[in-house]
Amino acid sequence: MGLLSALALLTNTCAHAATAPEAFTFDIANSTINHNLSSGSGMVMHNGQLIVTGDDSPWLFTVNPDFKIEKKVMIDHFPVNKHNRINHKTKPDFESMTLIHYNHQPYYFVIGSGSKKTLRENAYLVPVKGGENQKLSLSNLYTTLHQAAGFTQAEKINIEGIANTANKIFIFNRGNEGKNAIFAMKTTDLMHYLTGQATTLPSLKVYQAQLPTINGVQACFSGADYWKDNKSLIFTASVEGNNQSSVNDGAIQGSFVGVLPLATLDKTSNLDLIPYSQKVEQNGKTVITKVESIAVAQQTPQQAKGYIVSDNDNGTSQFFTFTIDK
């Protein structure tokens, strides 16, 4: 091998190593089903407690470490059936939630998926310390995100995950009727836009994402949280049916968890997240569960521990504990 070829090979190898994702191990345990909390979809940790939304529930639930409901707060008044669930045709589809600070106050920011016009295009600011909830329309936002991502008219917004740092927010689109994408922007820009104080989102960036597959079907984003001590986003993704419908889900095939360093977002707008992802398994076997959200409870730069919630389409919620080691 000539000197120039050797140097080129060395340079390419070093460049690849510099951008390669760090390996991590992922373990889950303590599977628990809560029959009184339907369709768990959004979740955050706050003051040692789990705060959970269901995509067909009008309440925000506080859940203890044994995954039992301690209290619930009304998000908004929606009619429920005899199972305390909102019927599919009228559900607001609260798929995502995060904890934000707005006007120097902490809020649970609960957002609809946008998978149906108007009906599922609303968000709520629920004061952590109690008080009146504030309803916000997401219709203009979702139109802006749809255009920014270059979606066709046939492709839909279907927001399933949200996470935030001290000053940025990341919104994850489930690519079952559109594309897997991450929308990033300053939190102040988003709140000014939603409250009518601004008409543009100057900091908006869009990242298209490729995710791993199960049986030839690509996973779609389903949840996210921020691992502050590692400066990374933890995301979840799931596979059901052929992942081409937001209504007719199909059989659950499994889920993935991934760790995405924020530094990676500075390098490209097209993300290959396959090497950043691991299938949710126990004892080497795929766990047949539709992971919907993930919440970090304890963390160091090398380890994150917390909780996962799954909506297995049967009116219950399945909880797990998890550990990630890097």
C-alpha atoms as a PDB file:
ATOM      1  CA  MET A   1       0.000   0.000   0.000  1.00  0.00           C
ATOM      2  CA  GLY A   2       1.321   3.433  -0.943  1.00  0.00           C
ATOM      3  CA  LEU A   3       1.891   6.162   1.612  1.00  0.00           C
ATOM      4  CA  LEU A   4      -0.981   8.333   0.324  1.00  0.00           C
ATOM      5  CA  SER A   5      -3.387   5.374   0.353  1.00  0.00           C
ATOM      6  CA  ALA A   6      -2.371   4.481   3.878  1.00  0.00           C
ATOM      7  CA  LEU A   7      -2.864   8.060   5.037  1.00  0.00           C
ATOM      8  CA  ALA A   8      -6.264   8.218   3.342  1.00  0.00           C
ATOM      9  CA  LEU A   9      -7.323   4.979   5.004  1.00  0.00           C
ATOM     10  CA  LEU A  10      -6.144   6.228   8.391  1.00  0.00           C
ATOM     11  CA  THR A  11      -7.945   9.538   7.925  1.00  0.00           C
ATOM     12  CA  ASN A  12     -11.207   7.845   6.934  1.00  0.00           C
ATOM     13  CA  THR A  13     -10.971   5.415   9.834  1.00  0.00           C
ATOM     14  CA  CYS A  14     -10.386   8.204  12.344  1.00  0.00           C
ATOM     15  CA  ALA A  15     -13.220  10.300  10.906  1.00  0.00           C
ATOM     16  CA  HIS A  16     -15.589   7.341  11.171  1.00  0.00           C
ATOM     17  CA  ALA A  17     -14.511   6.642  14.731  1.00  0.00           C
ATOM     18  CA  ALA A  18     -15.060  10.259  15.708  1.00  0.00           C
ATOM     19  CA  THR A  19     -18.693  10.211  14.539  1.00  0.00           C
ATOM     20  CA  ALA A  20     -19.583   6.655  15.549  1.00  0.00           C
ATOM     21  CA  PRO A  21     -22.183   6.339  18.320  1.00  0.00           C
ATOM     22  CA  GLU A  22     -21.029   5.177  21.718  1.00  0.00           C
ATOM     23  CA  ALA A  23     -22.116   1.674  22.684  1.00  0.00           C
ATOM     24  CA  PHE A  24     -24.607   1.287  25.506  1.00  0.00           C
ATOM     25  CA  THR A  25     -26.369  -1.513  27.330  1.00  0.00           C
ATOM     26  CA  PHE A  26     -30.093  -1.411  27.966  1.00  0.00           C
ATOM     27  CA  ASP A  27     -32.026  -3.498  30.475  1.00  0.00           C
ATOM     28  CA  ILE A  28     -35.683  -3.519  31.515  1.00  0.00           C
ATOM     29  CA  ALA A  29     -37.355  -5.147  34.514  1.00  0.00           C
ATOM     30  CA  ASN A  30     -40.414  -5.063  36.773  1.00  0.00           C
ATOM     31  CA  SER A  31     -43.195  -5.373  34.217  1.00  0.00           C
ATOM     32  CA  THR A  32     -46.425  -4.153  35.840  1.00  0.00           C
ATOM     33  CA  ILE A  33     -49.845  -3.651  34.261  1.00  0.00           C
ATOM     34  CA  ASN A  34     -52.135  -0.908  35.557  1.00  0.00           C
ATOM     35  CA  HIS A  35     -55.752  -1.697  34.657  1.00  0.00           C
ATOM     36  CA  ASN A  36     -57.049   1.677  35.860  1.00  0.00           C
ATOM     37  CA  LEU A  37     -54.867   3.854  33.631  1.00  0.00           C
ATOM     38  CA  SER A  38     -55.736   3.436  29.986  1.00  0.00           C
ATOM     39  CA  SER A  39     -53.391   3.823  27.044  1.00  0.00           C
ATOM     40  CA  GLY A  40     -50.353   5.350  28.788  1.00  0.00           C
ATOM     41  CA  SER A  41     -48.666   7.555  26.213  1.00  0.00           C
ATOM     42  CA  GLY A  42     -46.832  10.508  27.773  1.00  0.00           C
ATOM     43  CA  MET A  43     -44.747  10.542  30.942  1.00  0.00           C
ATOM     44  CA  VAL A  44     -42.358  12.712  32.947  1.00  0.00           C
ATOM     45  CA  MET A  45     -40.627  12.454  36.311  1.00  0.00           C
ATOM     46  CA  HIS A  46     -41.066  15.296  38.784  1.00  0.00           C
ATOM     47  CA  ASN A  47     -40.124  15.373  42.453  1.00  0.00           C
ATOM     48  CA  GLY A  48     -39.752  11.603  42.529  1.00  0.00           C
ATOM     49  CA  GLN A  49     -43.163  10.910  41.049  1.00  0.00           C
ATOM     50  CA  LEU A  50     -44.317   9.732  37.642  1.00  0.00           C
ATOM     51  CA  ILE A  51     -46.785  12.002  35.860  1.00  0.00           C
ATOM     52  CA  VAL A  52     -48.601  10.110  33.083  1.00  0.00           C
ATOM     53  CA  THR A  53     -51.098  10.898  30.329  1.00  0.00           C
ATOM     54  CA  GLY A  54     -53.184   8.449  28.331  1.00  0.00           C
ATOM     55  CA  ASP A  55     -54.063   9.137  24.726  1.00  0.00           C
ATOM     56  CA  ASP A  56     -57.763   8.520  25.417  1.00  0.00           C
ATOM     57  CA  SER A  57     -58.010   9.897  28.959  1.00  0.00           C
ATOM     58  CA  PRO A  58     -59.039  13.375  30.177  1.00  0.00           C
ATOM     59  CA  TRP A  59     -56.802  13.121  33.254  1.00  0.00           C
ATOM     60  CA  LEU A  60     -53.196  13.647  34.203  1.00  0.00           C
ATOM     61  CA  PHE A  61     -52.210  10.839  36.588  1.00  0.00           C
ATOM     62  CA  THR A  62     -49.673  10.854  39.404  1.00  0.00           C
ATOM     63  CA  VAL A  63     -48.260   7.332  39.730  1.00  0.00           C
ATOM     64  CA  ASN A  64     -46.110   6.034  42.593  1.00  0.00           C
ATOM     65  CA  PRO A  65     -43.027   3.789  42.199  1.00  0.00           C
ATOM     66  CA  ASP A  66     -45.314   0.731  42.469  1.00  0.00           C
ATOM     67  CA  PHE A  67     -47.171   2.045  39.392  1.00  0.00           C
ATOM     68  CA  LYS A  68     -50.380   2.701  41.313  1.00  0.00           C
ATOM     69  CA  ILE A  69     -52.399   5.881  40.832  1.00  0.00           C
ATOM     70  CA  GLU A  70     -52.069   8.321  43.728  1.00  0.00           C
ATOM     71  CA  LYS A  71     -54.153  11.139  42.261  1.00  0.00           C
ATOM     72  CA  LYS A  72     -55.463  12.512  38.997  1.00  0.00           C
ATOM     73  CA  VAL A  73     -56.045  16.021  37.677  1.00  0.00           C
ATOM     74  CA  MET A  74     -58.493  16.931  34.913  1.00  0.00           C
ATOM     75  CA  ILE A  75     -56.773  18.190  31.753  1.00  0.00           C
ATOM     76  CA  ASP A  76     -60.069  19.168  30.141  1.00  0.00           C
ATOM     77  CA  HIS A  77     -63.662  17.986  30.181  1.00  0.00           C
ATOM     78  CA  PHE A  78     -64.138  15.234  27.616  1.00  0.00           C
ATOM     79  CA  PRO A  79     -67.014  12.724  27.680  1.00  0.00           C
ATOM     80  CA  VAL A  80     -65.879   9.244  28.742  1.00  0.00           C
ATOM     81  CA  ASN A  81     -67.481   5.835  28.332  1.00  0.00           C
ATOM     82  CA  LYS A  82     -68.169   3.277  31.049  1.00  0.00           C
ATOM     83  CA  HIS A  83     -64.470   2.349  31.051  1.00  0.00           C
ATOM     84  CA  ASN A  84     -63.483   5.985  31.727  1.00  0.00           C
ATOM     85  CA  ARG A  85     -62.006   6.260  28.251  1.00  0.00           C
ATOM     86  CA  ILE A  86     -62.718   8.867  25.584  1.00  0.00           C
ATOM     87  CA  ASN A  87     -64.151   7.202  22.477  1.00  0.00           C
ATOM     88  CA  HIS A  88     -61.727   6.878  19.583  1.00  0.00           C
ATOM     89  CA  LYS A  89     -63.642   9.239  17.286  1.00  0.00           C
ATOM     90  CA  THR A  90     -63.465  12.103  19.774  1.00  0.00           C
ATOM     91  CA  LYS A  91     -60.233  11.496  21.700  1.00  0.00           C
ATOM     92  CA  PRO A  92     -57.690  14.373  21.778  1.00  0.00           C
ATOM     93  CA  ASP A  93     -54.839  11.844  21.444  1.00  0.00           C
ATOM     94  CA  PHE A  94     -52.489  13.120  24.148  1.00  0.00           C
ATOM     95  CA  GLU A  95     -49.395  11.232  22.990  1.00  0.00           C
ATOM     96  CA  SER A  96     -46.632  13.428  24.398  1.00  0.00           C
ATOM     97  CA  MET A  97     -45.738  15.431  27.457  1.00  0.00           C
ATOM     98  CA  THR A  98     -42.775  17.254  28.936  1.00  0.00           C
ATOM     99  CA  LEU A  99     -42.074  19.579  31.851  1.00  0.00           C
ATOM    100  CA  ILE A 100     -41.311  23.161  30.807  1.00  0.00           C
ATOM    101  CA  HIS A 101     -40.784  26.506  32.510  1.00  0.00           C
ATOM    102  CA  TYR A 102     -42.830  29.312  31.041  1.00  0.00           C
ATOM    103  CA  ASN A 103     -43.163  32.805  32.520  1.00  0.00           C
ATOM    104  CA  HIS A 104     -41.036  31.577  35.425  1.00  0.00           C
ATOM    105  CA  GLN A 105     -43.534  28.842  36.316  1.00  0.00           C
ATOM    106  CA  PRO A 106     -43.319  25.054  35.836  1.00  0.00           C
ATOM    107  CA  TYR A 107     -45.955  23.405  33.636  1.00  0.00           C
ATOM    108  CA  TYR A 108     -46.763  19.972  32.336  1.00  0.00           C
ATOM    109  CA  PHE A 109     -46.963  20.592  28.594  1.00  0.00           C
ATOM    110  CA  VAL A 110     -49.392  18.015  27.172  1.00  0.00           C
ATOM    111  CA  ILE A 111     -49.832  17.920  23.390  1.00  0.00           C
ATOM    112  CA  GLY A 112     -52.176  16.225  20.953  1.00  0.00           C
ATOM    113  CA  SER A 113     -50.719  14.160  18.140  1.00  0.00           C
ATOM    114  CA  GLY A 114     -52.120  16.162  15.225  1.00  0.00           C
ATOM    115  CA  SER A 115     -53.145  12.957  13.448  1.00  0.00           C
ATOM    116  CA  LYS A 116     -56.637  14.415  12.949  1.00  0.00           C
ATOM    117  CA  LYS A 117     -57.184  18.030  11.969  1.00  0.00           C
ATOM    118  CA  THR A 118     -58.430  20.341  14.734  1.00  0.00           C
ATOM    119  CA  LEU A 119     -59.568  17.512  17.045  1.00  0.00           C
ATOM    120  CA  ARG A 120     -56.007  16.410  17.847  1.00  0.00           C
ATOM    121  CA  GLU A 121     -54.288  19.756  17.327  1.00  0.00           C
ATOM    122  CA  ASN A 122     -54.426  21.150  20.853  1.00  0.00           C
ATOM    123  CA  ALA A 123     -51.999  21.466  23.752  1.00  0.00           C
ATOM    124  CA  TYR A 124     -52.471  22.170  27.446  1.00  0.00           C
ATOM    125  CA  LEU A 125     -50.250  23.917  29.958  1.00  0.00           C
ATOM    126  CA  VAL A 126     -51.095  22.263  33.282  1.00  0.00           C
ATOM    127  CA  PRO A 127     -49.590  24.214  36.225  1.00  0.00           C
ATOM    128  CA  VAL A 128     -47.428  21.947  38.359  1.00  0.00           C
ATOM    129  CA  LYS A 129     -48.387  23.921  41.475  1.00  0.00           C
ATOM    130  CA  GLY A 130     -52.093  23.851  40.671  1.00  0.00           C
ATOM    131  CA  GLY A 131     -54.353  26.404  39.035  1.00  0.00           C
ATOM    132  CA  GLU A 132     -56.203  26.872  35.796  1.00  0.00           C
ATOM    133  CA  ASN A 133     -55.037  24.969  32.725  1.00  0.00           C
ATOM    134  CA  GLN A 134     -54.311  26.908  29.552  1.00  0.00           C
ATOM    135  CA  LYS A 135     -55.429  25.476  26.209  1.00  0.00           C
ATOM    136  CA  LEU A 136     -53.377  26.288  23.095  1.00  0.00           C
ATOM    137  CA  SER A 137     -54.119  25.541  19.458  1.00  0.00           C
ATOM    138  CA  LEU A 138     -51.420  23.630  17.575  1.00  0.00           C
ATOM    139  CA  SER A 139     -53.058  23.907  14.141  1.00  0.00           C
ATOM    140  CA  ASN A 140     -50.718  26.591  12.777  1.00  0.00           C
ATOM    141  CA  LEU A 141     -47.704  24.913  14.348  1.00  0.00           C
ATOM    142  CA  TYR A 142     -48.469  21.559  12.772  1.00  0.00           C
ATOM    143  CA  THR A 143     -49.038  23.201   9.382  1.00  0.00           C
ATOM    144  CA  THR A 144     -45.618  24.857   9.735  1.00  0.00           C
ATOM    145  CA  LEU A 145     -43.936  21.598  10.753  1.00  0.00           C
ATOM    146  CA  HIS A 146     -45.608  19.740   7.884  1.00  0.00           C
ATOM    147  CA  GLN A 147     -44.238  22.259   5.390  1.00  0.00           C
ATOM    148  CA  ALA A 148     -40.784  22.479   6.981  1.00  0.00           C
ATOM    149  CA  ALA A 149     -40.381  18.690   6.784  1.00  0.00           C
ATOM    150  CA  GLY A 150     -41.322  18.656   3.110  1.00  0.00           C
ATOM    151  CA  PHE A 151     -44.251  16.297   3.682  1.00  0.00           C
ATOM    152  CA  THR A 152     -46.558  15.639   0.752  1.00  0.00           C
ATOM    153  CA  GLN A 153     -50.297  16.247   1.038  1.00  0.00           C
ATOM    154  CA  ALA A 154     -50.759  12.515   1.589  1.00  0.00           C
ATOM    155  CA  GLU A 155     -48.310  12.502   4.504  1.00  0.00           C
ATOM    156  CA  LYS A 156     -49.457  13.429   7.998  1.00  0.00           C
ATOM    157  CA  ILE A 157     -48.112  14.939  11.166  1.00  0.00           C
ATOM    158  CA  ASN A 158     -48.355  12.450  14.042  1.00  0.00           C
ATOM    159  CA  ILE A 159     -46.440  13.766  17.060  1.00  0.00           C
ATOM    160  CA  GLU A 160     -45.622  11.058  19.619  1.00  0.00           C
ATOM    161  CA  GLY A 161     -42.646  12.361  21.582  1.00  0.00           C
ATOM    162  CA  ILE A 162     -41.366  15.575  23.107  1.00  0.00           C
ATOM    163  CA  ALA A 163     -38.293  16.402  25.196  1.00  0.00           C
ATOM    164  CA  ASN A 164     -36.546  19.587  26.209  1.00  0.00           C
ATOM    165  CA  THR A 165     -33.261  20.941  27.513  1.00  0.00           C
ATOM    166  CA  ALA A 166     -32.945  24.179  29.451  1.00  0.00           C
ATOM    167  CA  ASN A 167     -33.627  26.232  26.315  1.00  0.00           C
ATOM    168  CA  LYS A 168     -34.515  23.905  23.412  1.00  0.00           C
ATOM    169  CA  ILE A 169     -37.423  21.628  22.681  1.00  0.00           C
ATOM    170  CA  PHE A 170     -37.449  18.528  20.468  1.00  0.00           C
ATOM    171  CA  ILE A 171     -40.661  17.202  18.911  1.00  0.00           C
ATOM    172  CA  PHE A 172     -40.696  13.684  17.457  1.00  0.00           C
ATOM    173  CA  ASN A 173     -42.955  12.773  14.530  1.00  0.00           C
ATOM    174  CA  ARG A 174     -44.057   9.162  14.185  1.00  0.00           C
ATOM    175  CA  GLY A 175     -43.510   8.156  10.578  1.00  0.00           C
ATOM    176  CA  ASN A 176     -46.444   5.822  10.081  1.00  0.00           C
ATOM    177  CA  GLU A 177     -48.253   8.163   7.679  1.00  0.00           C
ATOM    178  CA  GLY A 178     -45.410  10.563   7.041  1.00  0.00           C
ATOM    179  CA  LYS A 179     -41.731  10.395   7.898  1.00  0.00           C
ATOM    180  CA  ASN A 180     -39.805   9.844  11.101  1.00  0.00           C
ATOM    181  CA  ALA A 181     -38.574  13.333  11.899  1.00  0.00           C
ATOM    182  CA  ILE A 182     -37.308  15.427  14.787  1.00  0.00           C
ATOM    183  CA  PHE A 183     -38.231  19.109  14.971  1.00  0.00           C
ATOM    184  CA  ALA A 184     -35.926  21.239  17.129  1.00  0.00           C
ATOM    185  CA  MET A 185     -36.381  24.859  18.189  1.00  0.00           C
ATOM    186  CA  LYS A 186     -35.856  27.234  21.074  1.00  0.00           C
ATOM    187  CA  THR A 187     -38.514  26.794  23.750  1.00  0.00           C
ATOM    188  CA  THR A 188     -39.078  30.548  23.901  1.00  0.00           C
ATOM    189  CA  ASP A 189     -39.678  30.642  20.139  1.00  0.00           C
ATOM    190  CA  LEU A 190     -42.256  27.855  20.402  1.00  0.00           C
ATOM    191  CA  MET A 191     -44.145  29.444  23.302  1.00  0.00           C
ATOM    192  CA  HIS A 192     -44.160  32.882  21.681  1.00  0.00           C
ATOM    193  CA  TYR A 193     -45.531  31.274  18.513  1.00  0.00           C
ATOM    194  CA  LEU A 194     -48.246  29.307  20.324  1.00  0.00           C
ATOM    195  CA  THR A 195     -49.361  32.282  22.432  1.00  0.00           C
ATOM    196  CA  GLY A 196     -49.563  34.667  19.466  1.00  0.00           C
ATOM    197  CA  GLN A 197     -46.532  36.754  20.379  1.00  0.00           C
ATOM    198  CA  ALA A 198     -44.714  35.689  17.183  1.00  0.00           C
ATOM    199  CA  THR A 199     -45.705  34.531  13.712  1.00  0.00           C
ATOM    200  CA  THR A 200     -42.521  32.623  12.832  1.00  0.00           C
ATOM    201  CA  LEU A 201     -40.200  30.021  14.334  1.00  0.00           C
ATOM    202  CA  PRO A 202     -36.743  31.392  13.464  1.00  0.00           C
ATOM    203  CA  SER A 203     -34.837  28.625  15.272  1.00  0.00           C
ATOM    204  CA  LEU A 204     -36.765  25.701  13.727  1.00  0.00           C
ATOM    205  CA  LYS A 205     -34.635  22.853  12.385  1.00  0.00           C
ATOM    206  CA  VAL A 206     -35.799  19.542  10.909  1.00  0.00           C
ATOM    207  CA  TYR A 207     -33.967  16.221  11.095  1.00  0.00           C
ATOM    208  CA  GLN A 208     -35.113  13.290   8.978  1.00  0.00           C
ATOM    209  CA  ALA A 209     -34.461   9.948  10.686  1.00  0.00           C
ATOM    210  CA  GLN A 210     -33.925   6.356   9.614  1.00  0.00           C
ATOM    211  CA  LEU A 211     -34.832   3.801  12.290  1.00  0.00           C
ATOM    212  CA  PRO A 212     -34.244   0.029  12.586  1.00  0.00           C
ATOM    213  CA  THR A 213     -36.748  -2.579  11.444  1.00  0.00           C
ATOM    214  CA  ILE A 214     -38.501  -5.695  12.709  1.00  0.00           C
ATOM    215  CA  ASN A 215     -39.583  -8.229  10.078  1.00  0.00           C
ATOM    216  CA  GLY A 216     -38.849  -5.666   7.383  1.00  0.00           C
ATOM    217  CA  VAL A 217     -41.040  -2.951   8.937  1.00  0.00           C
ATOM    218  CA  GLN A 218     -39.304   0.263  10.022  1.00  0.00           C
ATOM    219  CA  ALA A 219     -39.865   1.420  13.589  1.00  0.00           C
ATOM    220  CA  CYS A 220     -41.559   4.759  14.200  1.00  0.00           C
ATOM    221  CA  PHE A 221     -40.834   7.291  16.951  1.00  0.00           C
ATOM    222  CA  SER A 222     -43.061   6.891  20.013  1.00  0.00           C
ATOM    223  CA  GLY A 223     -41.490   8.866  22.885  1.00  0.00           C
ATOM    224  CA  ALA A 224     -38.476  10.774  24.210  1.00  0.00           C
ATOM    225  CA  ASP A 225     -36.757  12.315  27.218  1.00  0.00           C
ATOM    226  CA  TYR A 226     -33.583  14.299  27.844  1.00  0.00           C
ATOM    227  CA  TRP A 227     -30.592  12.684  29.549  1.00  0.00           C
ATOM    228  CA  LYS A 228     -29.074  15.896  30.852  1.00  0.00           C
ATOM    229  CA  ASP A 229     -25.883  14.485  32.400  1.00  0.00           C
ATOM    230  CA  ASN A 230     -24.972  12.766  29.126  1.00  0.00           C
ATOM    231  CA  LYS A 231     -26.200  15.633  26.895  1.00  0.00           C
ATOM    232  CA  SER A 232     -28.262  13.131  24.930  1.00  0.00           C
ATOM    233  CA  LEU A 233     -31.840  12.511  23.895  1.00  0.00           C
ATOM    234  CA  ILE A 234     -33.256   9.110  24.782  1.00  0.00           C
ATOM    235  CA  PHE A 235     -35.908   8.101  22.251  1.00  0.00           C
ATOM    236  CA  THR A 236     -38.287   5.184  21.889  1.00  0.00           C
ATOM    237  CA  ALA A 237     -39.716   3.714  18.710  1.00  0.00           C
ATOM    238  CA  SER A 238     -42.124   0.878  18.040  1.00  0.00           C
ATOM    239  CA  VAL A 239     -43.280  -1.421  15.259  1.00  0.00           C
ATOM    240  CA  GLU A 240     -46.879  -2.494  14.744  1.00  0.00           C
ATOM    241  CA  GLY A 241     -48.514  -3.976  11.665  1.00  0.00           C
ATOM    242  CA  ASN A 242     -46.971  -2.346   8.616  1.00  0.00           C
ATOM    243  CA  ASN A 243     -46.635   1.050  10.365  1.00  0.00           C
ATOM    244  CA  GLN A 244     -48.568   2.783   7.609  1.00  0.00           C
ATOM    245  CA  SER A 245     -51.637   3.941   9.502  1.00  0.00           C
ATOM    246  CA  SER A 246     -52.284   6.078  12.573  1.00  0.00           C
ATOM    247  CA  VAL A 247     -55.744   4.521  12.999  1.00  0.00           C
ATOM    248  CA  ASN A 248     -55.498   0.828  12.106  1.00  0.00           C
ATOM    249  CA  ASP A 249     -52.397  -0.024  14.077  1.00  0.00           C
ATOM    250  CA  GLY A 250     -52.038  -3.754  13.449  1.00  0.00           C
ATOM    251  CA  ALA A 251     -50.250  -6.332  15.561  1.00  0.00           C
ATOM    252  CA  ILE A 252     -47.493  -5.121  17.898  1.00  0.00           C
ATOM    253  CA  GLN A 253     -44.096  -6.504  16.859  1.00  0.00           C
ATOM    254  CA  GLY A 254     -41.731  -4.853  19.341  1.00  0.00           C
ATOM    255  CA  SER A 255     -39.948  -1.637  20.271  1.00  0.00           C
ATOM    256  CA  PHE A 256     -36.553   0.066  20.366  1.00  0.00           C
ATOM    257  CA  VAL A 257     -34.737   2.452  22.692  1.00  0.00           C
ATOM    258  CA  GLY A 258     -32.011   4.769  21.423  1.00  0.00           C
ATOM    259  CA  VAL A 259     -29.501   7.281  22.759  1.00  0.00           C
ATOM    260  CA  LEU A 260     -28.835  10.283  20.511  1.00  0.00           C
ATOM    261  CA  PRO A 261     -26.094  12.743  21.610  1.00  0.00           C
ATOM    262  CA  LEU A 262     -27.065  16.347  20.949  1.00  0.00           C
ATOM    263  CA  ALA A 263     -23.678  16.858  19.289  1.00  0.00           C
ATOM    264  CA  THR A 264     -24.787  14.509  16.506  1.00  0.00           C
ATOM    265  CA  LEU A 265     -27.517  16.963  15.520  1.00  0.00           C
ATOM    266  CA  ASP A 266     -24.876  19.585  14.740  1.00  0.00           C
ATOM    267  CA  LYS A 267     -23.347  17.372  12.044  1.00  0.00           C
ATOM    268  CA  THR A 268     -26.228  16.406   9.751  1.00  0.00           C
ATOM    269  CA  SER A 269     -29.929  16.880   9.105  1.00  0.00           C
ATOM    270  CA  ASN A 270     -30.290  13.271   7.919  1.00  0.00           C
ATOM    271  CA  LEU A 271     -29.952  10.898  10.845  1.00  0.00           C
ATOM    272  CA  ASP A 272     -29.223   7.192  10.538  1.00  0.00           C
ATOM    273  CA  LEU A 273     -30.362   6.129  13.996  1.00  0.00           C
ATOM    274  CA  ILE A 274     -30.007   2.394  13.438  1.00  0.00           C
ATOM    275  CA  PRO A 275     -26.592   2.229  15.162  1.00  0.00           C
ATOM    276  CA  TYR A 276     -27.947   4.381  18.003  1.00  0.00           C
ATOM    277  CA  SER A 277     -30.815   1.994  18.774  1.00  0.00           C
ATOM    278  CA  GLN A 278     -31.348  -1.258  20.645  1.00  0.00           C
ATOM    279  CA  LYS A 279     -34.340  -3.565  20.534  1.00  0.00           C
ATOM    280  CA  VAL A 280     -36.253  -3.951  23.791  1.00  0.00           C
ATOM    281  CA  GLU A 281     -35.432  -7.518  24.826  1.00  0.00           C
ATOM    282  CA  GLN A 282     -35.331  -9.730  27.893  1.00  0.00           C
ATOM    283  CA  ASN A 283     -33.204 -12.861  28.014  1.00  0.00           C
ATOM    284  CA  GLY A 284     -32.416 -12.438  24.328  1.00  0.00           C
ATOM    285  CA  LYS A 285     -36.070 -12.415  23.258  1.00  0.00           C
ATOM    286  CA  THR A 286     -38.056  -9.509  21.822  1.00  0.00           C
ATOM    287  CA  VAL A 287     -40.500  -8.030  24.321  1.00  0.00           C
ATOM    288  CA  ILE A 288     -43.808  -7.713  22.491  1.00  0.00           C
ATOM    289  CA  THR A 289     -44.810  -4.324  23.798  1.00  0.00           C
ATOM    290  CA  LYS A 290     -45.542  -0.931  22.220  1.00  0.00           C
ATOM    291  CA  VAL A 291     -43.317   1.452  24.175  1.00  0.00           C
ATOM    292  CA  GLU A 292     -44.935   4.883  24.178  1.00  0.00           C
ATOM    293  CA  SER A 293     -42.845   7.001  26.522  1.00  0.00           C
ATOM    294  CA  ILE A 294     -39.696   7.025  28.625  1.00  0.00           C
ATOM    295  CA  ALA A 295     -38.766   9.085  31.692  1.00  0.00           C
ATOM    296  CA  VAL A 296     -35.362   9.474  33.323  1.00  0.00           C
ATOM    297  CA  ALA A 297     -35.460   9.304  37.130  1.00  0.00           C
ATOM    298  CA  GLN A 298     -31.776   9.013  38.123  1.00  0.00           C
ATOM    299  CA  GLN A 299     -28.720   9.853  36.073  1.00  0.00           C
ATOM    300  CA  THR A 300     -24.968  10.268  35.845  1.00  0.00           C
ATOM    301  CA  PRO A 301     -22.930  10.865  32.678  1.00  0.00           C
ATOM    302  CA  GLN A 302     -22.521   7.086  32.339  1.00  0.00           C
ATOM    303  CA  GLN A 303     -25.893   5.773  33.524  1.00  0.00           C
ATOM    304  CA  ALA A 304     -29.596   6.607  33.292  1.00  0.00           C
ATOM    305  CA  LYS A 305     -32.366   4.866  35.224  1.00  0.00           C
ATOM    306  CA  GLY A 306     -36.068   5.429  34.974  1.00  0.00           C
ATOM    307  CA  TYR A 307     -39.383   4.199  33.673  1.00  0.00           C
ATOM    308  CA  ILE A 308     -41.054   3.116  30.454  1.00  0.00           C
ATOM    309  CA  VAL A 309     -44.779   2.999  29.753  1.00  0.00           C
ATOM    310  CA  SER A 310     -46.427   0.967  27.000  1.00  0.00           C
ATOM    311  CA  ASP A 311     -49.860   1.202  25.444  1.00  0.00           C
ATOM    312  CA  ASN A 312     -50.661  -2.282  24.207  1.00  0.00           C
ATOM    313  CA  ASP A 313     -54.006  -1.264  22.661  1.00  0.00           C
ATOM    314  CA  ASN A 314     -56.135  -3.088  25.235  1.00  0.00           C
ATOM    315  CA  GLY A 315     -57.161  -0.268  27.568  1.00  0.00           C
ATOM    316  CA  THR A 316     -54.378  -0.834  30.100  1.00  0.00           C
ATOM    317  CA  SER A 317     -50.884   0.579  30.598  1.00  0.00           C
ATOM    318  CA  GLN A 318     -47.767  -1.532  31.063  1.00  0.00           C
ATOM    319  CA  PHE A 319     -44.899  -0.084  33.091  1.00  0.00           C
ATOM    320  CA  PHE A 320     -41.244  -1.155  33.276  1.00  0.00           C
ATOM    321  CA  THR A 321     -38.109   0.105  34.950  1.00  0.00           C
ATOM    322  CA  PHE A 322     -35.020   0.555  32.765  1.00  0.00           C
ATOM    323  CA  THR A 323     -31.276   1.049  33.086  1.00  0.00           C
ATOM    324  CA  ILE A 324     -28.941   2.395  30.403  1.00  0.00           C
ATOM    325  CA  ASP A 325     -25.169   2.108  30.891  1.00  0.00           C
ATOM    326  CA  LYS A 326     -22.595   3.682  28.583  1.00  0.00           C
END
